[in-house]
């Protein structure tokens, strides 16, 4: 029997970051979909199911914080995690106040992968098909 892969929506306006996340998280056996804008992310979240959102804070058409709030309201059972260049503690607290379940400052990719594993370990996304 096959297992369904956990699906992650990564939202980052830097194409190289999106490609790197897609490559690295795919190697961890996750299915990764990318978006560059708040608008695209919201459209994808409405039309597809995801098990985790990985967001940047600064997006070309808005704030990742506002996106996190909207995604949490629309899909309250799906965790949000930030992977962003804002590294101060008050940035993390701001993200948690917006509904984030995790916060990793770039470029700590190992912490990101570990955070993704922890958040998805609690989910039932690996159901048998």
N, C-alpha and C. Protein backbone atom coordinates (compact mmCIF):
# COMPACT_ATOMS: atom_id res chain seq x y z
N UNK A 1 0.83 -1.19 0.00
CA UNK A 1 0.00 0.00 0.00
C UNK A 1 0.87 1.25 0.00
N UNK A 2 0.38 2.28 -0.66
CA UNK A 2 1.09 3.55 -0.73
C UNK A 2 0.65 4.48 0.38
N UNK A 3 1.57 5.33 0.79
CA UNK A 3 1.23 6.35 1.78
C UNK A 3 1.14 7.69 1.07
N UNK A 4 0.15 8.48 1.44
CA UNK A 4 0.05 9.82 0.89
C UNK A 4 1.12 10.69 1.53
N UNK A 5 1.76 11.53 0.72
CA UNK A 5 2.80 12.42 1.26
C UNK A 5 2.14 13.61 1.94
N UNK A 6 2.78 14.08 2.99
CA UNK A 6 2.33 15.32 3.61
C UNK A 6 2.56 16.44 2.61
N UNK A 7 1.59 17.35 2.52
CA UNK A 7 1.67 18.44 1.55
C UNK A 7 1.99 19.75 2.25
N UNK A 8 2.98 20.46 1.74
CA UNK A 8 3.44 21.71 2.32
C UNK A 8 3.29 22.82 1.28
N UNK A 9 2.70 23.93 1.71
CA UNK A 9 2.65 25.13 0.88
C UNK A 9 3.73 26.08 1.39
N UNK A 10 4.74 26.35 0.56
CA UNK A 10 5.81 27.28 0.90
C UNK A 10 5.55 28.59 0.17
N UNK A 11 5.52 29.67 0.94
CA UNK A 11 5.24 30.99 0.36
C UNK A 11 6.44 31.89 0.61
N UNK A 12 7.16 32.19 -0.47
CA UNK A 12 8.34 33.05 -0.37
C UNK A 12 8.51 33.75 -1.71
N UNK A 13 8.83 35.03 -1.68
CA UNK A 13 8.94 35.78 -2.92
C UNK A 13 10.31 35.64 -3.59
N UNK A 14 11.24 34.98 -2.95
CA UNK A 14 12.54 34.74 -3.56
C UNK A 14 12.53 33.35 -4.22
N UNK A 15 12.65 33.35 -5.52
CA UNK A 15 12.56 32.10 -6.29
C UNK A 15 13.61 31.09 -5.85
N UNK A 16 14.83 31.55 -5.55
CA UNK A 16 15.88 30.62 -5.15
C UNK A 16 15.56 29.95 -3.82
N UNK A 17 14.96 30.70 -2.89
CA UNK A 17 14.57 30.12 -1.60
C UNK A 17 13.46 29.08 -1.82
N UNK A 18 12.48 29.42 -2.63
CA UNK A 18 11.39 28.49 -2.92
C UNK A 18 11.90 27.20 -3.54
N UNK A 19 12.81 27.33 -4.50
CA UNK A 19 13.36 26.15 -5.17
C UNK A 19 14.16 25.29 -4.19
N UNK A 20 14.96 25.96 -3.32
CA UNK A 20 15.75 25.22 -2.33
C UNK A 20 14.83 24.47 -1.37
N UNK A 21 13.78 25.16 -0.87
CA UNK A 21 12.85 24.51 0.06
C UNK A 21 12.15 23.34 -0.62
N UNK A 22 11.74 23.53 -1.85
CA UNK A 22 11.07 22.46 -2.58
C UNK A 22 11.99 21.25 -2.72
N UNK A 23 13.24 21.49 -3.09
CA UNK A 23 14.20 20.40 -3.26
C UNK A 23 14.48 19.69 -1.93
N UNK A 24 14.82 20.44 -0.90
CA UNK A 24 15.18 19.84 0.39
C UNK A 24 14.01 19.12 1.06
N UNK A 25 12.83 19.73 1.03
CA UNK A 25 11.68 19.11 1.68
C UNK A 25 11.16 17.92 0.88
N UNK A 26 11.33 17.96 -0.44
CA UNK A 26 10.96 16.80 -1.26
C UNK A 26 11.85 15.61 -0.94
N UNK A 27 13.12 15.88 -0.63
CA UNK A 27 14.03 14.80 -0.23
C UNK A 27 13.62 14.19 1.10
N UNK A 28 12.88 14.94 1.90
CA UNK A 28 12.36 14.43 3.18
C UNK A 28 11.04 13.69 2.96
N UNK A 29 10.65 13.52 1.70
CA UNK A 29 9.44 12.81 1.29
C UNK A 29 8.16 13.60 1.54
N UNK A 30 8.25 14.92 1.40
CA UNK A 30 7.06 15.78 1.46
C UNK A 30 6.76 16.27 0.06
N UNK A 31 5.49 16.48 -0.22
CA UNK A 31 5.09 17.12 -1.47
C UNK A 31 5.04 18.62 -1.22
N UNK A 32 5.75 19.40 -2.03
CA UNK A 32 5.87 20.83 -1.79
C UNK A 32 5.30 21.61 -2.96
N UNK A 33 4.42 22.55 -2.64
CA UNK A 33 3.85 23.48 -3.61
C UNK A 33 4.33 24.86 -3.21
N UNK A 34 4.67 25.70 -4.18
CA UNK A 34 5.18 27.03 -3.85
C UNK A 34 4.26 28.14 -4.37
N UNK A 35 4.32 29.27 -3.68
CA UNK A 35 3.61 30.48 -4.09
C UNK A 35 4.51 31.66 -3.76
N UNK A 36 4.31 32.77 -4.49
CA UNK A 36 5.14 33.94 -4.25
C UNK A 36 4.39 35.10 -3.62
N UNK A 37 3.08 35.07 -3.68
CA UNK A 37 2.29 36.19 -3.16
C UNK A 37 1.23 35.70 -2.17
N UNK A 38 0.72 36.64 -1.40
CA UNK A 38 -0.38 36.35 -0.49
C UNK A 38 -1.59 35.88 -1.29
N UNK A 39 -1.88 36.57 -2.37
CA UNK A 39 -3.03 36.23 -3.21
C UNK A 39 -2.94 34.80 -3.74
N UNK A 40 -1.78 34.43 -4.28
CA UNK A 40 -1.60 33.07 -4.81
C UNK A 40 -1.74 32.02 -3.70
N UNK A 41 -1.16 32.33 -2.53
CA UNK A 41 -1.22 31.39 -1.41
C UNK A 41 -2.66 31.16 -0.97
N UNK A 42 -3.44 32.23 -0.89
CA UNK A 42 -4.84 32.09 -0.47
C UNK A 42 -5.65 31.29 -1.49
N UNK A 43 -5.39 31.53 -2.78
CA UNK A 43 -6.08 30.76 -3.83
C UNK A 43 -5.75 29.27 -3.71
N UNK A 44 -4.47 28.97 -3.53
CA UNK A 44 -4.06 27.57 -3.40
C UNK A 44 -4.67 26.92 -2.15
N UNK A 45 -4.68 27.65 -1.05
CA UNK A 45 -5.22 27.11 0.21
C UNK A 45 -6.73 26.84 0.10
N UNK A 46 -7.41 27.61 -0.74
CA UNK A 46 -8.85 27.40 -0.93
C UNK A 46 -9.14 26.23 -1.86
N UNK A 47 -8.23 25.99 -2.82
CA UNK A 47 -8.51 24.97 -3.84
C UNK A 47 -7.84 23.62 -3.57
N UNK A 48 -6.85 23.59 -2.67
CA UNK A 48 -6.13 22.36 -2.39
C UNK A 48 -5.98 22.17 -0.88
N UNK A 49 -5.69 20.94 -0.48
CA UNK A 49 -5.47 20.66 0.94
C UNK A 49 -3.97 20.59 1.23
N UNK A 50 -3.59 21.21 2.35
CA UNK A 50 -2.20 21.19 2.78
C UNK A 50 -2.14 20.75 4.23
N UNK A 51 -0.97 20.25 4.62
CA UNK A 51 -0.74 19.79 5.99
C UNK A 51 0.11 20.78 6.78
N UNK A 52 0.76 21.72 6.07
CA UNK A 52 1.61 22.71 6.71
C UNK A 52 1.82 23.88 5.76
N UNK A 53 1.85 25.09 6.34
CA UNK A 53 2.22 26.29 5.59
C UNK A 53 3.57 26.77 6.11
N UNK A 54 4.52 27.01 5.19
CA UNK A 54 5.81 27.61 5.55
C UNK A 54 5.85 28.97 4.87
N UNK A 55 5.91 30.03 5.69
CA UNK A 55 5.73 31.39 5.17
C UNK A 55 6.94 32.28 5.43
N UNK A 56 7.16 33.19 4.50
CA UNK A 56 8.09 34.29 4.72
C UNK A 56 7.25 35.45 5.27
N UNK A 57 7.87 36.33 6.03
CA UNK A 57 7.12 37.46 6.59
C UNK A 57 6.88 38.57 5.60
N UNK A 58 7.82 38.78 4.70
CA UNK A 58 7.71 39.90 3.76
C UNK A 58 7.42 39.36 2.36
N UNK A 59 6.22 39.72 1.88
CA UNK A 59 5.79 39.26 0.56
C UNK A 59 5.44 40.48 -0.29
N UNK A 60 5.49 40.36 -1.61
CA UNK A 60 5.31 41.54 -2.46
C UNK A 60 3.94 42.20 -2.35
N UNK A 61 2.92 41.45 -1.98
CA UNK A 61 1.58 42.03 -1.91
C UNK A 61 1.00 42.03 -0.49
N UNK A 62 1.86 41.89 0.51
CA UNK A 62 1.35 41.94 1.87
C UNK A 62 2.29 41.28 2.86
N UNK A 63 1.77 41.12 4.05
CA UNK A 63 2.55 40.58 5.16
C UNK A 63 2.28 39.09 5.36
N UNK A 64 3.34 38.35 5.63
CA UNK A 64 3.18 36.96 5.98
C UNK A 64 2.40 36.79 7.28
N UNK A 65 2.48 37.78 8.15
CA UNK A 65 1.71 37.74 9.40
C UNK A 65 0.21 37.75 9.11
N UNK A 66 -0.21 38.64 8.23
CA UNK A 66 -1.63 38.70 7.85
C UNK A 66 -2.04 37.43 7.12
N UNK A 67 -1.15 36.91 6.29
CA UNK A 67 -1.43 35.66 5.59
C UNK A 67 -1.63 34.53 6.59
N UNK A 68 -0.78 34.47 7.60
CA UNK A 68 -0.89 33.44 8.63
C UNK A 68 -2.25 33.53 9.33
N UNK A 69 -2.67 34.74 9.66
CA UNK A 69 -3.98 34.94 10.30
C UNK A 69 -5.11 34.43 9.40
N UNK A 70 -5.04 34.77 8.12
CA UNK A 70 -6.09 34.35 7.18
C UNK A 70 -6.09 32.83 6.98
N UNK A 71 -4.92 32.25 6.84
CA UNK A 71 -4.83 30.80 6.66
C UNK A 71 -5.31 30.07 7.92
N UNK A 72 -4.95 30.59 9.09
CA UNK A 72 -5.37 29.97 10.35
C UNK A 72 -6.89 30.03 10.51
N UNK A 73 -7.49 31.13 10.06
CA UNK A 73 -8.94 31.26 10.14
C UNK A 73 -9.63 30.32 9.16
N UNK A 74 -9.07 30.20 7.96
CA UNK A 74 -9.67 29.36 6.92
C UNK A 74 -9.44 27.87 7.16
N UNK A 75 -8.26 27.52 7.67
CA UNK A 75 -7.91 26.12 7.90
C UNK A 75 -7.25 26.00 9.28
N UNK A 76 -8.04 26.08 10.35
CA UNK A 76 -7.48 26.14 11.70
C UNK A 76 -6.68 24.91 12.12
N UNK A 77 -6.88 23.80 11.47
CA UNK A 77 -6.16 22.59 11.85
C UNK A 77 -4.80 22.44 11.14
N UNK A 78 -4.47 23.38 10.25
CA UNK A 78 -3.20 23.32 9.52
C UNK A 78 -2.22 24.30 10.15
N UNK A 79 -1.07 23.81 10.63
CA UNK A 79 -0.11 24.70 11.27
C UNK A 79 0.61 25.62 10.28
N UNK A 80 1.00 26.79 10.78
CA UNK A 80 1.81 27.76 10.02
C UNK A 80 3.18 27.83 10.67
N UNK A 81 4.19 27.92 9.83
CA UNK A 81 5.56 28.06 10.32
C UNK A 81 6.23 29.15 9.49
N UNK A 82 7.00 30.00 10.15
CA UNK A 82 7.72 31.05 9.44
C UNK A 82 9.17 30.64 9.21
N UNK A 83 9.65 30.94 8.01
CA UNK A 83 11.06 30.82 7.66
C UNK A 83 11.42 32.17 7.03
N UNK A 84 12.06 33.03 7.82
CA UNK A 84 12.21 34.42 7.43
C UNK A 84 13.54 35.00 7.88
N UNK A 85 13.90 36.11 7.28
CA UNK A 85 15.14 36.78 7.63
C UNK A 85 15.07 37.58 8.92
N UNK A 86 13.88 37.81 9.44
CA UNK A 86 13.72 38.56 10.68
C UNK A 86 14.08 37.66 11.86
N UNK A 87 15.18 37.99 12.54
CA UNK A 87 15.75 37.05 13.50
C UNK A 87 15.59 37.44 14.97
N UNK A 88 15.01 38.59 15.26
CA UNK A 88 14.90 39.00 16.66
C UNK A 88 13.75 38.30 17.37
N UNK A 89 13.85 38.20 18.69
CA UNK A 89 12.83 37.54 19.49
C UNK A 89 11.47 38.20 19.31
N UNK A 90 11.44 39.52 19.22
CA UNK A 90 10.14 40.18 19.06
C UNK A 90 9.49 39.82 17.73
N UNK A 91 10.29 39.48 16.71
CA UNK A 91 9.73 39.00 15.44
C UNK A 91 9.03 37.65 15.65
N UNK A 92 9.69 36.77 16.41
CA UNK A 92 9.09 35.46 16.69
C UNK A 92 7.79 35.62 17.48
N UNK A 93 7.80 36.49 18.47
CA UNK A 93 6.60 36.72 19.28
C UNK A 93 5.46 37.29 18.44
N UNK A 94 5.80 38.16 17.52
CA UNK A 94 4.82 38.73 16.60
C UNK A 94 4.18 37.63 15.75
N UNK A 95 5.01 36.70 15.28
CA UNK A 95 4.52 35.59 14.46
C UNK A 95 3.63 34.66 15.27
N UNK A 96 4.03 34.36 16.49
CA UNK A 96 3.22 33.50 17.36
C UNK A 96 1.87 34.16 17.64
N UNK A 97 1.87 35.48 17.85
CA UNK A 97 0.62 36.21 18.07
C UNK A 97 -0.29 36.14 16.84
N UNK A 98 0.31 36.00 15.65
CA UNK A 98 -0.48 35.89 14.41
C UNK A 98 -0.96 34.46 14.17
N UNK A 99 -0.53 33.51 15.02
CA UNK A 99 -1.00 32.14 14.89
C UNK A 99 0.06 31.13 14.48
N UNK A 100 1.32 31.56 14.41
CA UNK A 100 2.38 30.65 13.97
C UNK A 100 2.66 29.56 15.00
N UNK A 101 2.94 28.37 14.51
CA UNK A 101 3.28 27.22 15.35
C UNK A 101 4.80 27.01 15.40
N UNK A 102 5.53 27.71 14.54
CA UNK A 102 6.98 27.58 14.51
C UNK A 102 7.59 28.80 13.87
N UNK A 103 8.85 29.06 14.19
CA UNK A 103 9.54 30.24 13.66
C UNK A 103 11.02 29.93 13.54
N UNK A 104 11.56 30.04 12.33
CA UNK A 104 12.98 29.78 12.09
C UNK A 104 13.53 30.96 11.29
N UNK A 105 14.66 31.50 11.76
CA UNK A 105 15.33 32.59 11.04
C UNK A 105 16.21 32.01 9.94
N UNK A 106 16.15 32.62 8.77
CA UNK A 106 17.02 32.23 7.66
C UNK A 106 18.44 32.56 8.06
N UNK A 107 19.40 31.80 7.67
CA UNK A 107 19.38 30.68 6.74
C UNK A 107 19.46 29.32 7.43
N UNK A 108 18.94 29.17 8.62
CA UNK A 108 19.08 27.93 9.39
C UNK A 108 18.17 26.82 8.84
N UNK A 109 18.62 26.21 7.75
CA UNK A 109 17.82 25.20 7.06
C UNK A 109 17.65 23.94 7.90
N UNK A 110 18.65 23.59 8.71
CA UNK A 110 18.51 22.41 9.57
C UNK A 110 17.40 22.59 10.59
N UNK A 111 17.31 23.78 11.17
CA UNK A 111 16.23 24.06 12.13
C UNK A 111 14.87 24.05 11.42
N UNK A 112 14.84 24.53 10.19
CA UNK A 112 13.59 24.50 9.43
C UNK A 112 13.13 23.06 9.21
N UNK A 113 14.02 22.22 8.73
CA UNK A 113 13.66 20.82 8.46
C UNK A 113 13.22 20.13 9.75
N UNK A 114 13.93 20.37 10.84
CA UNK A 114 13.54 19.78 12.12
C UNK A 114 12.17 20.29 12.57
N UNK A 115 11.91 21.57 12.39
CA UNK A 115 10.61 22.13 12.75
C UNK A 115 9.48 21.55 11.92
N UNK A 116 9.73 21.37 10.63
CA UNK A 116 8.74 20.75 9.74
C UNK A 116 8.45 19.33 10.20
N UNK A 117 9.51 18.58 10.48
CA UNK A 117 9.32 17.19 10.96
C UNK A 117 8.47 17.15 12.22
N UNK A 118 8.77 18.03 13.17
CA UNK A 118 8.03 18.05 14.44
C UNK A 118 6.56 18.39 14.22
N UNK A 119 6.29 19.40 13.41
CA UNK A 119 4.90 19.80 13.18
C UNK A 119 4.13 18.74 12.42
N UNK A 120 4.77 18.08 11.47
CA UNK A 120 4.07 17.08 10.68
C UNK A 120 4.00 15.72 11.39
N UNK A 121 4.86 15.49 12.36
CA UNK A 121 4.81 14.23 13.11
C UNK A 121 3.48 14.10 13.86
N UNK A 122 2.89 15.24 14.19
CA UNK A 122 1.62 15.23 14.94
C UNK A 122 0.40 15.10 14.04
N UNK A 123 0.60 15.13 12.74
CA UNK A 123 -0.52 15.15 11.80
C UNK A 123 -0.81 13.77 11.23
N UNK A 124 -2.01 13.62 10.77
CA UNK A 124 -2.44 12.37 10.13
C UNK A 124 -2.37 12.48 8.60
N UNK A 125 -1.31 13.10 8.08
CA UNK A 125 -1.24 13.31 6.65
C UNK A 125 -0.70 12.10 5.90
N UNK A 126 -0.12 11.17 6.60
CA UNK A 126 0.46 10.00 5.93
C UNK A 126 -0.54 8.84 5.95
N UNK A 127 -1.74 9.10 5.52
CA UNK A 127 -2.79 8.08 5.51
C UNK A 127 -2.55 7.09 4.37
N UNK A 128 -3.00 5.89 4.53
CA UNK A 128 -2.84 4.88 3.48
C UNK A 128 -3.82 5.16 2.35
N UNK A 129 -3.33 4.93 1.15
CA UNK A 129 -4.17 5.16 -0.05
C UNK A 129 -4.66 3.83 -0.55
